[in-house]
C-alpha atoms as a PDB file:
ATOM      1  CA  MET A   1      19.655 -74.521 -22.810  1.00  0.00           C
ATOM      2  CA  TYR A   2      17.592 -72.190 -24.981  1.00  0.00           C
ATOM      3  CA  CYS A   3      14.987 -69.824 -23.562  1.00  0.00           C
ATOM      4  CA  PRO A   4      11.488 -70.890 -24.661  1.00  0.00           C
ATOM      5  CA  GLY A   5      10.399 -67.242 -24.575  1.00  0.00           C
ATOM      6  CA  CYS A   6      13.022 -65.424 -26.630  1.00  0.00           C
ATOM      7  CA  GLY A   7      15.191 -68.267 -27.996  1.00  0.00           C
ATOM      8  CA  LYS A   8      18.480 -66.976 -26.521  1.00  0.00           C
ATOM      9  CA  GLY A   9      20.971 -69.807 -26.045  1.00  0.00           C
ATOM     10  CA  ASP A  10      23.564 -70.664 -23.409  1.00  0.00           C
ATOM     11  CA  GLN A  11      21.139 -70.357 -20.478  1.00  0.00           C
ATOM     12  CA  THR A  12      21.274 -72.081 -17.102  1.00  0.00           C
ATOM     13  CA  PRO A  13      18.274 -74.288 -16.193  1.00  0.00           C
ATOM     14  CA  ASP A  14      16.265 -73.426 -13.059  1.00  0.00           C
ATOM     15  CA  SER A  15      17.154 -69.750 -13.401  1.00  0.00           C
ATOM     16  CA  TYR A  16      15.925 -66.666 -15.216  1.00  0.00           C
ATOM     17  CA  CYS A  17      16.726 -65.823 -18.825  1.00  0.00           C
ATOM     18  CA  ARG A  18      19.428 -63.178 -19.095  1.00  0.00           C
ATOM     19  CA  SER A  19      17.659 -61.682 -22.094  1.00  0.00           C
ATOM     20  CA  CYS A  20      13.905 -61.624 -21.413  1.00  0.00           C
ATOM     21  CA  GLY A  21      13.715 -62.545 -17.695  1.00  0.00           C
ATOM     22  CA  SER A  22      11.335 -65.506 -18.001  1.00  0.00           C
ATOM     23  CA  PHE A  23      11.908 -68.530 -15.761  1.00  0.00           C
ATOM     24  CA  LEU A  24      13.733 -71.478 -17.347  1.00  0.00           C
ATOM     25  CA  PRO A  25      12.649 -74.779 -15.774  1.00  0.00           C
ATOM     26  CA  ASP A  26      15.049 -77.720 -15.845  1.00  0.00           C
ATOM     27  CA  PRO A  27      13.442 -80.416 -18.034  1.00  0.00           C
ATOM     28  CA  VAL A  28      15.807 -83.094 -16.680  1.00  0.00           C
ATOM     29  CA  LYS A  29      14.760 -82.698 -13.045  1.00  0.00           C
ATOM     30  CA  GLY A  30      11.558 -84.244 -11.806  1.00  0.00           C
ATOM     31  CA  THR A  31       8.756 -81.748 -12.028  1.00  0.00           C
ATOM     32  CA  SER A  32       6.277 -81.057  -9.274  1.00  0.00           C
ATOM     33  CA  LEU A  33       2.652 -82.122  -9.358  1.00  0.00           C
ATOM     34  CA  ILE A  34       1.610 -78.521  -9.974  1.00  0.00           C
ATOM     35  CA  SER A  35       3.920 -78.343 -12.996  1.00  0.00           C
ATOM     36  CA  ARG A  36       2.678 -81.618 -14.431  1.00  0.00           C
ATOM     37  CA  LEU A  37      -1.044 -81.003 -13.904  1.00  0.00           C
ATOM     38  CA  PHE A  38      -1.330 -77.297 -14.579  1.00  0.00           C
ATOM     39  CA  GLY A  39       1.849 -76.485 -16.517  1.00  0.00           C
ATOM     40  CA  ILE A  40       2.966 -73.910 -13.947  1.00  0.00           C
ATOM     41  CA  THR A  41       6.776 -73.792 -13.898  1.00  0.00           C
ATOM     42  CA  ALA A  42       7.717 -70.266 -12.791  1.00  0.00           C
ATOM     43  CA  PRO A  43       8.243 -69.997  -9.010  1.00  0.00           C
ATOM     44  CA  GLU A  44       6.162 -66.814  -8.794  1.00  0.00           C
ATOM     45  CA  ARG A  45       3.190 -68.539 -10.427  1.00  0.00           C
ATOM     46  CA  ARG A  46       3.597 -71.652  -8.271  1.00  0.00           C
ATOM     47  CA  VAL A  47       3.525 -69.540  -5.125  1.00  0.00           C
ATOM     48  CA  LYS A  48       0.485 -67.595  -6.326  1.00  0.00           C
ATOM     49  CA  PHE A  49      -1.357 -70.816  -7.201  1.00  0.00           C
ATOM     50  CA  THR A  50      -0.463 -72.448  -3.874  1.00  0.00           C
ATOM     51  CA  LEU A  51      -1.535 -69.332  -1.954  1.00  0.00           C
ATOM     52  CA  THR A  52      -4.903 -69.443  -3.669  1.00  0.00           C
ATOM     53  CA  VAL A  53      -5.363 -73.151  -2.934  1.00  0.00           C
ATOM     54  CA  ASP A  54      -4.333 -72.690   0.718  1.00  0.00           C
ATOM     55  CA  LEU A  55      -6.737 -69.822   1.261  1.00  0.00           C
ATOM     56  CA  VAL A  56      -9.656 -71.567  -0.433  1.00  0.00           C
ATOM     57  CA  THR A  57      -9.141 -74.835   1.490  1.00  0.00           C
ATOM     58  CA  ALA A  58      -8.819 -72.982   4.817  1.00  0.00           C
ATOM     59  CA  ILE A  59     -12.084 -71.134   4.173  1.00  0.00           C
ATOM     60  CA  VAL A  60     -13.901 -74.290   3.012  1.00  0.00           C
ATOM     61  CA  SER A  61     -12.676 -76.243   6.048  1.00  0.00           C
ATOM     62  CA  ALA A  62     -13.862 -73.527   8.440  1.00  0.00           C
ATOM     63  CA  LEU A  63     -17.242 -73.324   6.697  1.00  0.00           C
ATOM     64  CA  LEU A  64     -17.657 -77.110   6.889  1.00  0.00           C
ATOM     65  CA  ILE A  65     -17.012 -77.008  10.632  1.00  0.00           C
ATOM     66  CA  PHE A  66     -19.634 -74.317  11.176  1.00  0.00           C
ATOM     67  CA  PHE A  67     -22.214 -76.043   8.964  1.00  0.00           C
ATOM     68  CA  LEU A  68     -21.678 -79.376  10.715  1.00  0.00           C
ATOM     69  CA  MET A  69     -21.913 -77.744  14.121  1.00  0.00           C
ATOM     70  CA  GLY A  70     -25.114 -75.937  13.115  1.00  0.00           C
ATOM     71  CA  TYR A  71     -26.635 -79.091  11.676  1.00  0.00           C
ATOM     72  CA  PHE A  72     -25.918 -81.293  14.691  1.00  0.00           C
ATOM     73  CA  ASP A  73     -26.897 -78.585  17.191  1.00  0.00           C
ATOM     74  CA  ALA A  74     -30.209 -78.063  15.398  1.00  0.00           C
ATOM     75  CA  THR A  75     -30.775 -81.842  15.228  1.00  0.00           C
ATOM     76  CA  TYR A  76     -30.121 -82.170  18.968  1.00  0.00           C
ATOM     77  CA  GLN A  77     -32.526 -79.335  19.790  1.00  0.00           C
ATOM     78  CA  ARG A  78     -35.308 -80.777  17.602  1.00  0.00           C
ATOM     79  CA  THR A  79     -34.960 -84.483  18.362  1.00  0.00           C
ATOM     80  CA  GLY A  80     -32.871 -84.678  21.517  1.00  0.00           C
ATOM     81  CA  ILE A  81     -30.468 -87.162  19.857  1.00  0.00           C
ATOM     82  CA  PRO A  82     -26.923 -86.345  20.943  1.00  0.00           C
ATOM     83  CA  THR A  83     -24.176 -85.686  18.418  1.00  0.00           C
ATOM     84  CA  PRO A  84     -22.219 -88.868  17.573  1.00  0.00           C
ATOM     85  CA  PRO A  85     -18.676 -88.826  19.024  1.00  0.00           C
ATOM     86  CA  ILE A  86     -17.109 -89.312  15.578  1.00  0.00           C
ATOM     87  CA  VAL A  87     -18.390 -85.873  14.583  1.00  0.00           C
ATOM     88  CA  TYR A  88     -16.197 -84.279  17.264  1.00  0.00           C
ATOM     89  CA  LEU A  89     -13.225 -86.031  15.716  1.00  0.00           C
ATOM     90  CA  VAL A  90     -14.236 -84.542  12.352  1.00  0.00           C
ATOM     91  CA  TYR A  91     -14.386 -81.094  14.001  1.00  0.00           C
ATOM     92  CA  VAL A  92     -10.852 -81.501  15.319  1.00  0.00           C
ATOM     93  CA  PHE A  93      -9.562 -82.778  11.957  1.00  0.00           C
ATOM     94  CA  ARG A  94     -11.205 -79.982   9.925  1.00  0.00           C
ATOM     95  CA  GLY A  95     -10.007 -77.405  12.461  1.00  0.00           C
ATOM     96  CA  GLY A  96      -6.450 -78.750  12.172  1.00  0.00           C
ATOM     97  CA  VAL A  97      -6.638 -78.554   8.382  1.00  0.00           C
ATOM     98  CA  SER A  98      -7.862 -74.948   8.583  1.00  0.00           C
ATOM     99  CA  VAL A  99      -5.053 -73.947  10.937  1.00  0.00           C
ATOM    100  CA  TRP A 100      -2.449 -75.755   8.801  1.00  0.00           C
ATOM    101  CA  GLN A 101      -3.650 -74.044   5.626  1.00  0.00           C
ATOM    102  CA  LEU A 102      -3.650 -70.618   7.282  1.00  0.00           C
ATOM    103  CA  LEU A 103      -0.087 -71.176   8.554  1.00  0.00           C
ATOM    104  CA  SER A 104       0.972 -72.314   5.096  1.00  0.00           C
ATOM    105  CA  PHE A 105      -0.672 -69.215   3.625  1.00  0.00           C
ATOM    106  CA  THR A 106       1.252 -66.988   6.058  1.00  0.00           C
ATOM    107  CA  VAL A 107       4.602 -68.632   5.295  1.00  0.00           C
ATOM    108  CA  LEU A 108       4.017 -68.502   1.536  1.00  0.00           C
ATOM    109  CA  THR A 109       3.066 -64.835   1.734  1.00  0.00           C
ATOM    110  CA  ALA A 110       6.435 -64.086   3.350  1.00  0.00           C
ATOM    111  CA  TYR A 111       8.166 -66.243   0.712  1.00  0.00           C
ATOM    112  CA  LYS A 112       6.351 -64.399  -2.065  1.00  0.00           C
ATOM    113  CA  LYS A 113       7.633 -61.068  -0.710  1.00  0.00           C
ATOM    114  CA  LYS A 114      11.209 -62.391  -0.603  1.00  0.00           C
ATOM    115  CA  LEU A 115      10.883 -63.820  -4.091  1.00  0.00           C
ATOM    116  CA  ALA A 116       9.618 -60.495  -5.414  1.00  0.00           C
ATOM    117  CA  ALA A 117      12.464 -58.643  -3.701  1.00  0.00           C
ATOM    118  CA  HIS A 118      15.078 -60.914  -5.274  1.00  0.00           C
ATOM    119  CA  LYS A 119      13.635 -60.991  -8.756  1.00  0.00           C
ATOM    120  CA  ARG A 120      16.401 -60.414 -11.244  1.00  0.00           C
ATOM    121  CA  GLN A 121      14.718 -57.911 -13.525  1.00  0.00           C
ATOM    122  CA  PRO A 122      12.295 -55.113 -12.655  1.00  0.00           C
ATOM    123  CA  PRO A 123       8.865 -55.110 -14.299  1.00  0.00           C
ATOM    124  CA  GLU A 124       8.779 -53.843 -17.883  1.00  0.00           C
ATOM    125  CA  ASN A 125       7.192 -50.527 -16.954  1.00  0.00           C
ATOM    126  CA  GLU A 126      10.027 -49.814 -14.462  1.00  0.00           C
ATOM    127  CA  VAL A 127      12.971 -50.714 -16.712  1.00  0.00           C
ATOM    128  CA  SER A 128      15.192 -47.686 -17.100  1.00  0.00           C
ATOM    129  CA  GLU A 129      17.322 -47.116 -20.127  1.00  0.00           C
ATOM    130  CA  VAL A 130      21.084 -47.172 -19.646  1.00  0.00           C
ATOM    131  CA  ASN A 131      21.466 -44.280 -22.047  1.00  0.00           C
ATOM    132  CA  ASP A 132      19.243 -41.858 -20.167  1.00  0.00           C
ATOM    133  CA  GLU A 133      20.763 -38.566 -19.036  1.00  0.00           C
ATOM    134  CA  HIS A 134      20.546 -39.308 -15.300  1.00  0.00           C
ATOM    135  CA  THR A 135      22.598 -42.489 -15.657  1.00  0.00           C
ATOM    136  CA  GLN A 136      25.150 -40.747 -17.881  1.00  0.00           C
ATOM    137  CA  LYS A 137      25.644 -38.079 -15.219  1.00  0.00           C
ATOM    138  CA  LEU A 138      26.128 -40.657 -12.449  1.00  0.00           C
ATOM    139  CA  LEU A 139      28.414 -43.050 -14.279  1.00  0.00           C
ATOM    140  CA  PRO A 140      31.328 -42.189 -16.530  1.00  0.00           C
ATOM    141  CA  SER A 141      31.743 -44.159 -19.719  1.00  0.00           C
ATOM    142  CA  ALA A 142      33.215 -47.634 -19.340  1.00  0.00           C
ATOM    143  CA  ASP A 143      36.562 -46.863 -20.961  1.00  0.00           C
ATOM    144  CA  SER A 144      37.300 -43.670 -19.060  1.00  0.00           C
ATOM    145  CA  PHE A 145      38.722 -43.226 -15.614  1.00  0.00           C
ATOM    146  CA  GLY A 146      39.629 -39.772 -14.365  1.00  0.00           C
ATOM    147  CA  GLY A 147      39.810 -38.182 -17.812  1.00  0.00           C
ATOM    148  CA  THR A 148      41.995 -40.871 -19.377  1.00  0.00           C
ATOM    149  CA  SER A 149      41.056 -44.275 -20.649  1.00  0.00           C
ATOM    150  CA  VAL A 150      41.704 -47.302 -18.494  1.00  0.00           C
ATOM    151  CA  THR A 151      44.166 -48.619 -21.078  1.00  0.00           C
ATOM    152  CA  GLU A 152      46.165 -45.389 -21.118  1.00  0.00           C
ATOM    153  CA  ARG A 153      46.246 -45.212 -17.328  1.00  0.00           C
ATOM    154  CA  THR A 154      47.379 -48.850 -17.019  1.00  0.00           C
ATOM    155  CA  THR A 155      50.068 -48.324 -19.658  1.00  0.00           C
ATOM    156  CA  ARG A 156      51.361 -45.236 -17.830  1.00  0.00           C
ATOM    157  CA  THR A 157      51.417 -47.127 -14.526  1.00  0.00           C
ATOM    158  CA  LEU A 158      53.115 -50.241 -15.869  1.00  0.00           C
ATOM    159  CA  ASP A 159      55.541 -48.549 -18.279  1.00  0.00           C
ATOM    160  CA  PRO A 160      57.965 -47.363 -15.534  1.00  0.00           C
ATOM    161  CA  VAL A 161      57.856 -50.834 -13.940  1.00  0.00           C
ATOM    162  CA  ARG A 162      58.669 -52.466 -17.279  1.00  0.00           C
ATOM    163  CA  ARG A 163      61.549 -50.040 -17.887  1.00  0.00           C
ATOM    164  CA  LYS A 164      63.023 -50.774 -14.434  1.00  0.00           C
ATOM    165  CA  GLN A 165      62.795 -54.507 -15.069  1.00  0.00           C
ATOM    166  CA  SER A 166      64.365 -54.210 -18.498  1.00  0.00           C
ATOM    167  CA  GLU A 167      67.169 -51.998 -17.096  1.00  0.00           C
ATOM    168  CA  GLY A 168      67.785 -54.585 -14.340  1.00  0.00           C
ATOM    169  CA  THR A 169      68.052 -57.425 -16.872  1.00  0.00           C
ATOM    170  CA  GLN A 170      70.390 -55.393 -19.116  1.00  0.00           C
ATOM    171  CA  SER A 171      72.736 -54.627 -16.181  1.00  0.00           C
ATOM    172  CA  GLU A 172      72.766 -58.314 -15.191  1.00  0.00           C
ATOM    173  CA  ASN A 173      73.619 -59.367 -18.770  1.00  0.00           C
ATOM    174  CA  SER A 174      76.595 -56.916 -18.911  1.00  0.00           C
END
């Protein structure tokens, strides 16, 4: 798969690009309703959109309950006509929707924090260069290990073993 952002090939779908860090949705899998309607494919954007929808619907549901209660209370005080029983059922339903949306908002907020903590690449303004002096002080170069290169050290370690094996085969052949 190729990254739609930077064009780098050999990428895994449903993951982040190893080059630019943008999310790579899998076109073969079925997409969600949010992806199809609004074109939101990145998990961070989906969570943000869903959080917004949850909060707005919870607030609207609570406001509808209070407006209905105010309307029917005022009607009862003016006319003396009691509130129809179906309205109480609407109160319970709208209250349940408000509670559900607030719970969903709480769970998604925790998920958003976990998603941000596990994001593969830091934001662009926090990316540190590998060649900066602090990193060079902390990490030796990749081919050195204790003053000698890894290849030299491995050769020194394995050379006596190879000599012993070759001496053992020569004595067996004699």
